[in-house]
Amino acid sequence: MKFKKRIAILLGLIFIIIFFYYQNNYIVKTTFTIQSDELPESFHNYKIVHLSDLHNKKFGSEQKYLLEKIVVEKPDLIVFTGDLIDSRRYNEKPSLTLIEQLVDLAPVYYVTGNHEWKSGKYEALEEKLKKLGVHILKNETITITNGSDEIYITGLDDPTFSNENSESEIMEQFLTEVARNFHPNQFHILLSHRPELFPLYAEYRFDLVFSGHAHGGQFRLPFIGGLVAPNQGLFPKYTAVDHHIDQTTMIVSRGLGNSIIPVRIFNRLEIVVVTLQVNTKTFSRK
């Protein structure tokens, strides 16, 4: 009887180990389609891969497992919404190994997360990213061209670097500044690490917002969603999938790595793939 009990306990432990390894190492792909009547024709079926919150994580030799998931999508654009590194255990090599290969696939646009600033080493990291060919957006709007058509992309720095005002006040200052270069009736993308400020982003009538930071709520519960997220606390609202206010859609990545809480439950690592399509102002999820 004792032998059977020990075997049962051993099998239970093996199952738990496999479960946690699977939850925290295997990547799921989430796909969306954005349809807009403001999108130029040449951007029809334009594909964007969204990545976030790597936190130094490795996916096999030279990031091979993660790259295989991205390569198959044949993206036209790659966006990364912060926390390439983890400030508590700074190691830039996994991030730079990934970025070096991503820039060969498609243009890469990047904004900072809170961990870049908390590390105290962001300036050196920024120079290395620039040398690799990453487009770093620091409270600015630039044009993305495809053929003779254009869309616009704005990137906001994470507000962690400043202690002068509240984070929402800092972000509103950033948005007020970049809004001077907005183009009405043009398709406009925003990259910002912080999803909890979605109502603020919607005030500026962006068409599409990419964000991260929430790690999917870390532990996801059936019919409830994420359990906890930074800057949102318990039972956070913005942890994953799509959210809508008026004409603005925000897509929140569950991210690729962990930080303070080292494990996920029912919340697998994620890459997001968005396809833009010319149509009426509607949104559908595949």
C-alpha atoms as a PDB file:
ATOM      1  CA  MET A   1       0.000   0.000   0.000  1.00  0.00           C
ATOM      2  CA  LYS A   2       2.843   2.367   0.880  1.00  0.00           C
ATOM      3  CA  PHE A   3       4.522   1.518  -2.420  1.00  0.00           C
ATOM      4  CA  LYS A   4       1.379   2.387  -4.395  1.00  0.00           C
ATOM      5  CA  LYS A   5       1.027   5.617  -2.471  1.00  0.00           C
ATOM      6  CA  ARG A   6       4.623   6.578  -3.245  1.00  0.00           C
ATOM      7  CA  ILE A   7       4.110   5.780  -6.922  1.00  0.00           C
ATOM      8  CA  ALA A   8       0.963   7.929  -6.960  1.00  0.00           C
ATOM      9  CA  ILE A   9       2.825  10.813  -5.318  1.00  0.00           C
ATOM     10  CA  LEU A  10       5.729  10.444  -7.748  1.00  0.00           C
ATOM     11  CA  LEU A  11       3.406  10.432 -10.760  1.00  0.00           C
ATOM     12  CA  GLY A  12       1.614  13.462  -9.365  1.00  0.00           C
ATOM     13  CA  LEU A  13       4.900  15.326  -8.993  1.00  0.00           C
ATOM     14  CA  ILE A  14       5.941  14.399 -12.528  1.00  0.00           C
ATOM     15  CA  PHE A  15       2.611  15.658 -13.852  1.00  0.00           C
ATOM     16  CA  ILE A  16       2.970  18.955 -11.976  1.00  0.00           C
ATOM     17  CA  ILE A  17       6.525  19.478 -13.292  1.00  0.00           C
ATOM     18  CA  ILE A  18       5.449  18.771 -16.869  1.00  0.00           C
ATOM     19  CA  PHE A  19       2.409  21.028 -16.498  1.00  0.00           C
ATOM     20  CA  PHE A  20       4.427  23.998 -15.232  1.00  0.00           C
ATOM     21  CA  TYR A  21       7.156  23.484 -17.811  1.00  0.00           C
ATOM     22  CA  TYR A  22       4.591  23.424 -20.603  1.00  0.00           C
ATOM     23  CA  GLN A  23       2.765  26.502 -19.280  1.00  0.00           C
ATOM     24  CA  ASN A  24       5.967  28.522 -19.057  1.00  0.00           C
ATOM     25  CA  ASN A  25       7.892  27.430 -22.144  1.00  0.00           C
ATOM     26  CA  TYR A  26       5.514  26.644 -25.010  1.00  0.00           C
ATOM     27  CA  ILE A  27       4.309  29.533 -27.135  1.00  0.00           C
ATOM     28  CA  VAL A  28       0.799  30.040 -28.434  1.00  0.00           C
ATOM     29  CA  LYS A  29      -0.019  32.242 -31.428  1.00  0.00           C
ATOM     30  CA  THR A  30      -3.054  34.528 -31.193  1.00  0.00           C
ATOM     31  CA  THR A  31      -4.346  35.997 -34.461  1.00  0.00           C
ATOM     32  CA  PHE A  32      -6.516  39.023 -35.103  1.00  0.00           C
ATOM     33  CA  THR A  33      -7.837  40.850 -38.134  1.00  0.00           C
ATOM     34  CA  ILE A  34      -8.257  44.616 -38.092  1.00  0.00           C
ATOM     35  CA  GLN A  35     -10.563  45.996 -40.774  1.00  0.00           C
ATOM     36  CA  SER A  36     -10.570  49.730 -41.406  1.00  0.00           C
ATOM     37  CA  ASP A  37     -11.895  52.086 -44.041  1.00  0.00           C
ATOM     38  CA  GLU A  38      -8.945  54.385 -43.249  1.00  0.00           C
ATOM     39  CA  LEU A  39      -6.401  51.795 -44.298  1.00  0.00           C
ATOM     40  CA  PRO A  40      -4.769  52.443 -47.719  1.00  0.00           C
ATOM     41  CA  GLU A  41      -5.281  49.733 -50.305  1.00  0.00           C
ATOM     42  CA  SER A  42      -1.625  48.674 -50.482  1.00  0.00           C
ATOM     43  CA  PHE A  43      -1.798  47.772 -46.766  1.00  0.00           C
ATOM     44  CA  HIS A  44      -4.555  45.226 -47.344  1.00  0.00           C
ATOM     45  CA  ASN A  45      -3.412  41.947 -45.695  1.00  0.00           C
ATOM     46  CA  TYR A  46      -0.407  43.720 -44.190  1.00  0.00           C
ATOM     47  CA  LYS A  47       0.828  41.489 -41.367  1.00  0.00           C
ATOM     48  CA  ILE A  48       2.192  42.663 -38.016  1.00  0.00           C
ATOM     49  CA  VAL A  49       3.813  40.422 -35.385  1.00  0.00           C
ATOM     50  CA  HIS A  50       3.555  41.809 -31.861  1.00  0.00           C
ATOM     51  CA  LEU A  51       6.024  40.727 -29.159  1.00  0.00           C
ATOM     52  CA  SER A  52       6.396  41.926 -25.582  1.00  0.00           C
ATOM     53  CA  ASP A  53       7.972  41.260 -22.184  1.00  0.00           C
ATOM     54  CA  LEU A  54      10.801  38.889 -23.042  1.00  0.00           C
ATOM     55  CA  HIS A  55      12.500  39.450 -19.655  1.00  0.00           C
ATOM     56  CA  ASN A  56      15.750  37.737 -20.741  1.00  0.00           C
ATOM     57  CA  LYS A  57      13.979  34.473 -21.546  1.00  0.00           C
ATOM     58  CA  LYS A  58      15.732  31.967 -23.790  1.00  0.00           C
ATOM     59  CA  PHE A  59      13.943  29.770 -26.291  1.00  0.00           C
ATOM     60  CA  GLY A  60      16.564  27.245 -27.246  1.00  0.00           C
ATOM     61  CA  SER A  61      19.903  27.877 -28.907  1.00  0.00           C
ATOM     62  CA  GLU A  62      19.973  31.319 -30.571  1.00  0.00           C
ATOM     63  CA  GLN A  63      16.266  31.744 -29.707  1.00  0.00           C
ATOM     64  CA  LYS A  64      15.468  29.151 -32.365  1.00  0.00           C
ATOM     65  CA  TYR A  65      12.075  28.004 -31.027  1.00  0.00           C
ATOM     66  CA  LEU A  66      10.676  31.542 -30.822  1.00  0.00           C
ATOM     67  CA  LEU A  67      12.107  32.551 -34.196  1.00  0.00           C
ATOM     68  CA  GLU A  68      10.540  29.554 -35.915  1.00  0.00           C
ATOM     69  CA  LYS A  69       7.126  30.753 -34.708  1.00  0.00           C
ATOM     70  CA  ILE A  70       7.751  34.209 -36.168  1.00  0.00           C
ATOM     71  CA  VAL A  71       9.420  33.247 -39.454  1.00  0.00           C
ATOM     72  CA  VAL A  72       6.457  31.142 -40.570  1.00  0.00           C
ATOM     73  CA  GLU A  73       4.200  34.213 -40.344  1.00  0.00           C
ATOM     74  CA  LYS A  74       6.251  36.194 -42.898  1.00  0.00           C
ATOM     75  CA  PRO A  75       5.540  39.513 -41.157  1.00  0.00           C
ATOM     76  CA  ASP A  76       5.663  42.868 -42.915  1.00  0.00           C
ATOM     77  CA  LEU A  77       6.327  44.580 -39.593  1.00  0.00           C
ATOM     78  CA  ILE A  78       7.406  43.528 -36.088  1.00  0.00           C
ATOM     79  CA  VAL A  79       6.562  45.600 -33.016  1.00  0.00           C
ATOM     80  CA  PHE A  80       7.994  45.091 -29.529  1.00  0.00           C
ATOM     81  CA  THR A  81       6.264  46.807 -26.613  1.00  0.00           C
ATOM     82  CA  GLY A  82       8.917  46.835 -23.917  1.00  0.00           C
ATOM     83  CA  ASP A  83      10.683  44.797 -21.228  1.00  0.00           C
ATOM     84  CA  LEU A  84      13.227  43.142 -23.466  1.00  0.00           C
ATOM     85  CA  ILE A  85      15.306  42.636 -20.346  1.00  0.00           C
ATOM     86  CA  ASP A  86      14.606  42.096 -16.652  1.00  0.00           C
ATOM     87  CA  SER A  87      15.975  44.704 -14.270  1.00  0.00           C
ATOM     88  CA  ARG A  88      16.385  42.260 -11.378  1.00  0.00           C
ATOM     89  CA  ARG A  89      18.658  39.890 -13.323  1.00  0.00           C
ATOM     90  CA  TYR A  90      20.018  41.960 -16.169  1.00  0.00           C
ATOM     91  CA  ASN A  91      21.176  39.889 -19.120  1.00  0.00           C
ATOM     92  CA  GLU A  92      20.906  41.533 -22.517  1.00  0.00           C
ATOM     93  CA  LYS A  93      22.350  38.668 -24.567  1.00  0.00           C
ATOM     94  CA  PRO A  94      19.066  36.712 -25.130  1.00  0.00           C
ATOM     95  CA  SER A  95      17.345  39.933 -26.206  1.00  0.00           C
ATOM     96  CA  LEU A  96      20.067  41.070 -28.579  1.00  0.00           C
ATOM     97  CA  THR A  97      20.313  37.555 -30.055  1.00  0.00           C
ATOM     98  CA  LEU A  98      16.601  37.696 -30.823  1.00  0.00           C
ATOM     99  CA  ILE A  99      16.603  41.246 -32.183  1.00  0.00           C
ATOM    100  CA  GLU A 100      19.614  40.627 -34.415  1.00  0.00           C
ATOM    101  CA  GLN A 101      17.619  37.959 -36.250  1.00  0.00           C
ATOM    102  CA  LEU A 102      14.267  39.773 -36.197  1.00  0.00           C
ATOM    103  CA  VAL A 103      15.618  42.766 -38.127  1.00  0.00           C
ATOM    104  CA  ASP A 104      16.458  40.406 -40.996  1.00  0.00           C
ATOM    105  CA  LEU A 105      12.806  39.343 -41.199  1.00  0.00           C
ATOM    106  CA  ALA A 106      11.052  42.724 -41.175  1.00  0.00           C
ATOM    107  CA  PRO A 107      11.403  46.278 -39.862  1.00  0.00           C
ATOM    108  CA  VAL A 108      11.353  46.232 -36.051  1.00  0.00           C
ATOM    109  CA  TYR A 109       9.731  49.056 -34.048  1.00  0.00           C
ATOM    110  CA  TYR A 110      10.305  49.207 -30.306  1.00  0.00           C
ATOM    111  CA  VAL A 111       9.277  51.163 -27.216  1.00  0.00           C
ATOM    112  CA  THR A 112      10.663  50.869 -23.708  1.00  0.00           C
ATOM    113  CA  GLY A 113       9.069  49.126 -20.765  1.00  0.00           C
ATOM    114  CA  ASN A 114       9.527  49.796 -17.070  1.00  0.00           C
ATOM    115  CA  HIS A 115      12.312  47.229 -16.720  1.00  0.00           C
ATOM    116  CA  GLU A 116      14.593  48.940 -19.227  1.00  0.00           C
ATOM    117  CA  TRP A 117      14.524  52.107 -17.124  1.00  0.00           C
ATOM    118  CA  LYS A 118      14.723  50.319 -13.768  1.00  0.00           C
ATOM    119  CA  SER A 119      17.848  48.464 -14.891  1.00  0.00           C
ATOM    120  CA  GLY A 120      19.848  51.695 -15.024  1.00  0.00           C
ATOM    121  CA  LYS A 121      21.517  50.360 -18.171  1.00  0.00           C
ATOM    122  CA  TYR A 122      19.085  51.426 -20.847  1.00  0.00           C
ATOM    123  CA  GLU A 123      21.303  53.985 -22.581  1.00  0.00           C
ATOM    124  CA  ALA A 124      23.901  51.324 -23.413  1.00  0.00           C
ATOM    125  CA  LEU A 125      21.182  48.886 -24.505  1.00  0.00           C
ATOM    126  CA  GLU A 126      19.587  51.546 -26.694  1.00  0.00           C
ATOM    127  CA  GLU A 127      22.830  52.127 -28.585  1.00  0.00           C
ATOM    128  CA  LYS A 128      23.168  48.413 -29.275  1.00  0.00           C
ATOM    129  CA  LEU A 129      19.583  48.187 -30.519  1.00  0.00           C
ATOM    130  CA  LYS A 130      20.141  51.146 -32.837  1.00  0.00           C
ATOM    131  CA  LYS A 131      23.262  49.533 -34.279  1.00  0.00           C
ATOM    132  CA  LEU A 132      21.230  46.416 -35.027  1.00  0.00           C
ATOM    133  CA  GLY A 133      18.755  48.529 -36.999  1.00  0.00           C
ATOM    134  CA  VAL A 134      15.834  48.745 -34.559  1.00  0.00           C
ATOM    135  CA  HIS A 135      13.500  51.733 -34.926  1.00  0.00           C
ATOM    136  CA  ILE A 136      13.232  53.068 -31.370  1.00  0.00           C
ATOM    137  CA  LEU A 137      10.215  55.321 -30.914  1.00  0.00           C
ATOM    138  CA  LYS A 138      10.567  57.872 -28.124  1.00  0.00           C
ATOM    139  CA  ASN A 139       7.389  59.936 -27.930  1.00  0.00           C
ATOM    140  CA  GLU A 140       7.296  60.440 -31.661  1.00  0.00           C
ATOM    141  CA  THR A 141       5.251  59.641 -34.724  1.00  0.00           C
ATOM    142  CA  ILE A 142       6.759  58.381 -37.959  1.00  0.00           C
ATOM    143  CA  THR A 143       5.468  57.229 -41.322  1.00  0.00           C
ATOM    144  CA  ILE A 144       5.373  53.645 -42.526  1.00  0.00           C
ATOM    145  CA  THR A 145       5.205  53.345 -46.291  1.00  0.00           C
ATOM    146  CA  ASN A 146       4.077  50.498 -48.490  1.00  0.00           C
ATOM    147  CA  GLY A 147       4.280  51.320 -52.161  1.00  0.00           C
ATOM    148  CA  SER A 148       2.955  54.856 -52.508  1.00  0.00           C
ATOM    149  CA  ASP A 149       0.684  54.602 -49.441  1.00  0.00           C
ATOM    150  CA  GLU A 150       1.323  55.580 -45.836  1.00  0.00           C
ATOM    151  CA  ILE A 151       0.143  54.811 -42.342  1.00  0.00           C
ATOM    152  CA  TYR A 152       1.446  56.266 -39.081  1.00  0.00           C
ATOM    153  CA  ILE A 153       2.971  54.748 -35.973  1.00  0.00           C
ATOM    154  CA  THR A 154       3.519  56.495 -32.638  1.00  0.00           C
ATOM    155  CA  GLY A 155       5.649  55.141 -29.811  1.00  0.00           C
ATOM    156  CA  LEU A 156       5.599  56.248 -26.174  1.00  0.00           C
ATOM    157  CA  ASP A 157       8.438  55.881 -23.704  1.00  0.00           C
ATOM    158  CA  ASP A 158       7.548  54.120 -20.481  1.00  0.00           C
ATOM    159  CA  PRO A 159       7.053  56.738 -17.726  1.00  0.00           C
ATOM    160  CA  THR A 160       9.113  54.863 -15.106  1.00  0.00           C
ATOM    161  CA  PHE A 161      12.151  57.065 -15.757  1.00  0.00           C
ATOM    162  CA  SER A 162      10.480  60.105 -14.141  1.00  0.00           C
ATOM    163  CA  ASN A 163       9.364  60.754 -10.566  1.00  0.00           C
ATOM    164  CA  GLU A 164       8.123  64.294 -11.171  1.00  0.00           C
ATOM    165  CA  ASN A 165       4.488  63.472 -11.982  1.00  0.00           C
ATOM    166  CA  SER A 166       2.118  60.515 -11.918  1.00  0.00           C
ATOM    167  CA  GLU A 167       2.585  58.031 -14.714  1.00  0.00           C
ATOM    168  CA  SER A 168      -0.756  58.931 -16.300  1.00  0.00           C
ATOM    169  CA  GLU A 169       0.175  62.639 -16.241  1.00  0.00           C
ATOM    170  CA  ILE A 170       3.510  61.900 -17.896  1.00  0.00           C
ATOM    171  CA  MET A 171       1.858  59.822 -20.614  1.00  0.00           C
ATOM    172  CA  GLU A 172      -0.724  62.527 -21.236  1.00  0.00           C
ATOM    173  CA  GLN A 173       2.093  65.034 -21.683  1.00  0.00           C
ATOM    174  CA  PHE A 174       3.720  62.695 -24.197  1.00  0.00           C
ATOM    175  CA  LEU A 175       0.470  62.271 -26.108  1.00  0.00           C
ATOM    176  CA  THR A 176      -0.234  65.995 -26.159  1.00  0.00           C
ATOM    177  CA  GLU A 177       3.168  66.520 -27.744  1.00  0.00           C
ATOM    178  CA  VAL A 178       2.893  63.801 -30.391  1.00  0.00           C
ATOM    179  CA  ALA A 179      -0.704  64.780 -31.210  1.00  0.00           C
ATOM    180  CA  ARG A 180       0.634  67.868 -32.944  1.00  0.00           C
ATOM    181  CA  ASN A 181       1.779  65.634 -35.788  1.00  0.00           C
ATOM    182  CA  PHE A 182      -1.400  63.593 -36.091  1.00  0.00           C
ATOM    183  CA  HIS A 183      -2.947  63.188 -39.524  1.00  0.00           C
ATOM    184  CA  PRO A 184      -6.766  63.072 -39.502  1.00  0.00           C
ATOM    185  CA  ASN A 185      -8.481  60.292 -41.427  1.00  0.00           C
ATOM    186  CA  GLN A 186      -5.251  58.298 -41.630  1.00  0.00           C
ATOM    187  CA  PHE A 187      -4.674  54.854 -40.112  1.00  0.00           C
ATOM    188  CA  HIS A 188      -2.661  55.348 -36.939  1.00  0.00           C
ATOM    189  CA  ILE A 189      -0.949  52.770 -34.684  1.00  0.00           C
ATOM    190  CA  LEU A 190       0.255  53.362 -31.114  1.00  0.00           C
ATOM    191  CA  LEU A 191       2.923  51.362 -29.257  1.00  0.00           C
ATOM    192  CA  SER A 192       2.864  51.743 -25.475  1.00  0.00           C
ATOM    193  CA  HIS A 193       3.937  49.341 -22.750  1.00  0.00           C
ATOM    194  CA  ARG A 194       1.094  50.306 -20.376  1.00  0.00           C
ATOM    195  CA  PRO A 195      -2.367  48.835 -21.134  1.00  0.00           C
ATOM    196  CA  GLU A 196      -4.013  50.307 -18.027  1.00  0.00           C
ATOM    197  CA  LEU A 197      -4.009  53.727 -19.738  1.00  0.00           C
ATOM    198  CA  PHE A 198      -6.229  52.561 -22.598  1.00  0.00           C
ATOM    199  CA  PRO A 199      -8.993  55.137 -21.935  1.00  0.00           C
ATOM    200  CA  LEU A 200      -6.363  57.861 -22.352  1.00  0.00           C
ATOM    201  CA  TYR A 201      -5.132  56.395 -25.633  1.00  0.00           C
ATOM    202  CA  ALA A 202      -8.695  56.221 -26.923  1.00  0.00           C
ATOM    203  CA  GLU A 203      -9.151  59.949 -26.322  1.00  0.00           C
ATOM    204  CA  TYR A 204      -6.565  60.519 -29.049  1.00  0.00           C
ATOM    205  CA  ARG A 205      -8.465  58.290 -31.477  1.00  0.00           C
ATOM    206  CA  PHE A 206      -5.728  55.858 -32.414  1.00  0.00           C
ATOM    207  CA  ASP A 207      -7.003  53.075 -34.652  1.00  0.00           C
ATOM    208  CA  LEU A 208      -4.850  50.321 -33.172  1.00  0.00           C
ATOM    209  CA  VAL A 209      -2.859  50.151 -29.925  1.00  0.00           C
ATOM    210  CA  PHE A 210      -0.296  47.458 -29.063  1.00  0.00           C
ATOM    211  CA  SER A 211       0.592  46.977 -25.399  1.00  0.00           C
ATOM    212  CA  GLY A 212       2.042  44.463 -22.923  1.00  0.00           C
ATOM    213  CA  HIS A 213       3.181  44.753 -19.283  1.00  0.00           C
ATOM    214  CA  ALA A 214       0.324  42.742 -17.718  1.00  0.00           C
ATOM    215  CA  HIS A 215       1.783  39.260 -18.393  1.00  0.00           C
ATOM    216  CA  GLY A 216      -1.715  37.978 -19.081  1.00  0.00           C
ATOM    217  CA  GLY A 217      -2.629  38.450 -15.432  1.00  0.00           C
ATOM    218  CA  GLN A 218       0.017  35.810 -14.543  1.00  0.00           C
ATOM    219  CA  PHE A 219      -2.579  33.233 -13.398  1.00  0.00           C
ATOM    220  CA  ARG A 220      -5.676  33.008 -15.588  1.00  0.00           C
ATOM    221  CA  LEU A 221      -8.922  31.678 -14.142  1.00  0.00           C
ATOM    222  CA  PRO A 222     -11.777  30.213 -16.237  1.00  0.00           C
ATOM    223  CA  PHE A 223     -14.554  32.770 -16.934  1.00  0.00           C
ATOM    224  CA  ILE A 224     -12.624  35.403 -14.951  1.00  0.00           C
ATOM    225  CA  GLY A 225      -9.333  36.029 -16.746  1.00  0.00           C
ATOM    226  CA  GLY A 226      -6.097  37.296 -15.229  1.00  0.00           C
ATOM    227  CA  LEU A 227      -5.616  37.318 -11.468  1.00  0.00           C
ATOM    228  CA  VAL A 228      -3.033  40.071 -10.951  1.00  0.00           C
ATOM    229  CA  ALA A 229      -1.140  42.594 -13.062  1.00  0.00           C
ATOM    230  CA  PRO A 230       1.300  45.432 -12.372  1.00  0.00           C
ATOM    231  CA  ASN A 231      -0.373  48.837 -12.048  1.00  0.00           C
ATOM    232  CA  GLN A 232      -3.798  47.161 -12.137  1.00  0.00           C
ATOM    233  CA  GLY A 233      -3.780  44.991  -9.030  1.00  0.00           C
ATOM    234  CA  LEU A 234      -6.168  42.075  -8.486  1.00  0.00           C
ATOM    235  CA  PHE A 235      -8.579  40.990 -11.235  1.00  0.00           C
ATOM    236  CA  PRO A 236      -7.158  43.478 -13.778  1.00  0.00           C
ATOM    237  CA  LYS A 237      -9.200  44.596 -16.769  1.00  0.00           C
ATOM    238  CA  TYR A 238      -6.505  44.789 -19.447  1.00  0.00           C
ATOM    239  CA  THR A 239      -4.367  41.645 -19.485  1.00  0.00           C
ATOM    240  CA  ALA A 240      -4.820  40.002 -22.892  1.00  0.00           C
ATOM    241  CA  VAL A 241      -6.749  39.873 -26.179  1.00  0.00           C
ATOM    242  CA  ASP A 242      -8.604  42.892 -27.593  1.00  0.00           C
ATOM    243  CA  HIS A 243     -10.345  45.866 -25.989  1.00  0.00           C
ATOM    244  CA  HIS A 244     -12.439  48.575 -27.621  1.00  0.00           C
ATOM    245  CA  ILE A 245     -13.392  52.176 -26.937  1.00  0.00           C
ATOM    246  CA  ASP A 246     -15.114  53.984 -29.794  1.00  0.00           C
ATOM    247  CA  GLN A 247     -12.878  53.684 -32.871  1.00  0.00           C
ATOM    248  CA  THR A 248      -9.818  52.501 -30.911  1.00  0.00           C
ATOM    249  CA  THR A 249      -8.832  48.857 -30.511  1.00  0.00           C
ATOM    250  CA  MET A 250      -6.089  47.830 -28.081  1.00  0.00           C
ATOM    251  CA  ILE A 251      -4.429  44.414 -28.288  1.00  0.00           C
ATOM    252  CA  VAL A 252      -2.550  43.320 -25.165  1.00  0.00           C
ATOM    253  CA  SER A 253       0.164  40.691 -25.440  1.00  0.00           C
ATOM    254  CA  ARG A 254       0.451  38.128 -22.631  1.00  0.00           C
ATOM    255  CA  GLY A 255       4.201  38.344 -23.185  1.00  0.00           C
ATOM    256  CA  LEU A 256       7.069  35.912 -23.513  1.00  0.00           C
ATOM    257  CA  GLY A 257       8.712  35.889 -20.096  1.00  0.00           C
ATOM    258  CA  ASN A 258       8.186  36.279 -16.365  1.00  0.00           C
ATOM    259  CA  SER A 259       9.597  38.664 -13.801  1.00  0.00           C
ATOM    260  CA  ILE A 260       8.748  39.003 -10.098  1.00  0.00           C
ATOM    261  CA  ILE A 261       6.333  36.062 -10.233  1.00  0.00           C
ATOM    262  CA  PRO A 262       8.381  33.300 -11.900  1.00  0.00           C
ATOM    263  CA  VAL A 263       5.557  31.035 -13.095  1.00  0.00           C
ATOM    264  CA  ARG A 264       2.320  31.215 -15.087  1.00  0.00           C
ATOM    265  CA  ILE A 265      -0.806  29.102 -14.752  1.00  0.00           C
ATOM    266  CA  PHE A 266      -3.270  28.608 -17.647  1.00  0.00           C
ATOM    267  CA  ASN A 267      -1.509  31.521 -19.297  1.00  0.00           C
ATOM    268  CA  ARG A 268       0.890  30.379 -21.971  1.00  0.00           C
ATOM    269  CA  LEU A 269       3.537  32.570 -23.548  1.00  0.00           C
ATOM    270  CA  GLU A 270       2.254  34.398 -26.594  1.00  0.00           C
ATOM    271  CA  ILE A 271       3.069  35.975 -29.918  1.00  0.00           C
ATOM    272  CA  VAL A 272       0.334  38.077 -31.488  1.00  0.00           C
ATOM    273  CA  VAL A 273      -0.233  38.211 -35.240  1.00  0.00           C
ATOM    274  CA  VAL A 274      -2.420  40.998 -36.634  1.00  0.00           C
ATOM    275  CA  THR A 275      -3.537  41.242 -40.256  1.00  0.00           C
ATOM    276  CA  LEU A 276      -4.734  44.627 -41.496  1.00  0.00           C
ATOM    277  CA  GLN A 277      -7.503  44.699 -44.055  1.00  0.00           C
ATOM    278  CA  VAL A 278      -9.247  47.411 -46.012  1.00  0.00           C
ATOM    279  CA  ASN A 279     -12.931  47.444 -45.133  1.00  0.00           C
ATOM    280  CA  THR A 280     -15.512  49.185 -42.976  1.00  0.00           C
ATOM    281  CA  LYS A 281     -14.573  50.167 -39.438  1.00  0.00           C
ATOM    282  CA  THR A 282     -15.138  46.791 -37.845  1.00  0.00           C
ATOM    283  CA  PHE A 283     -13.031  44.331 -35.930  1.00  0.00           C
ATOM    284  CA  SER A 284     -13.074  40.538 -35.949  1.00  0.00           C
ATOM    285  CA  ARG A 285     -11.096  37.891 -34.168  1.00  0.00           C
ATOM    286  CA  LYS A 286     -10.173  34.681 -35.961  1.00  0.00           C
END
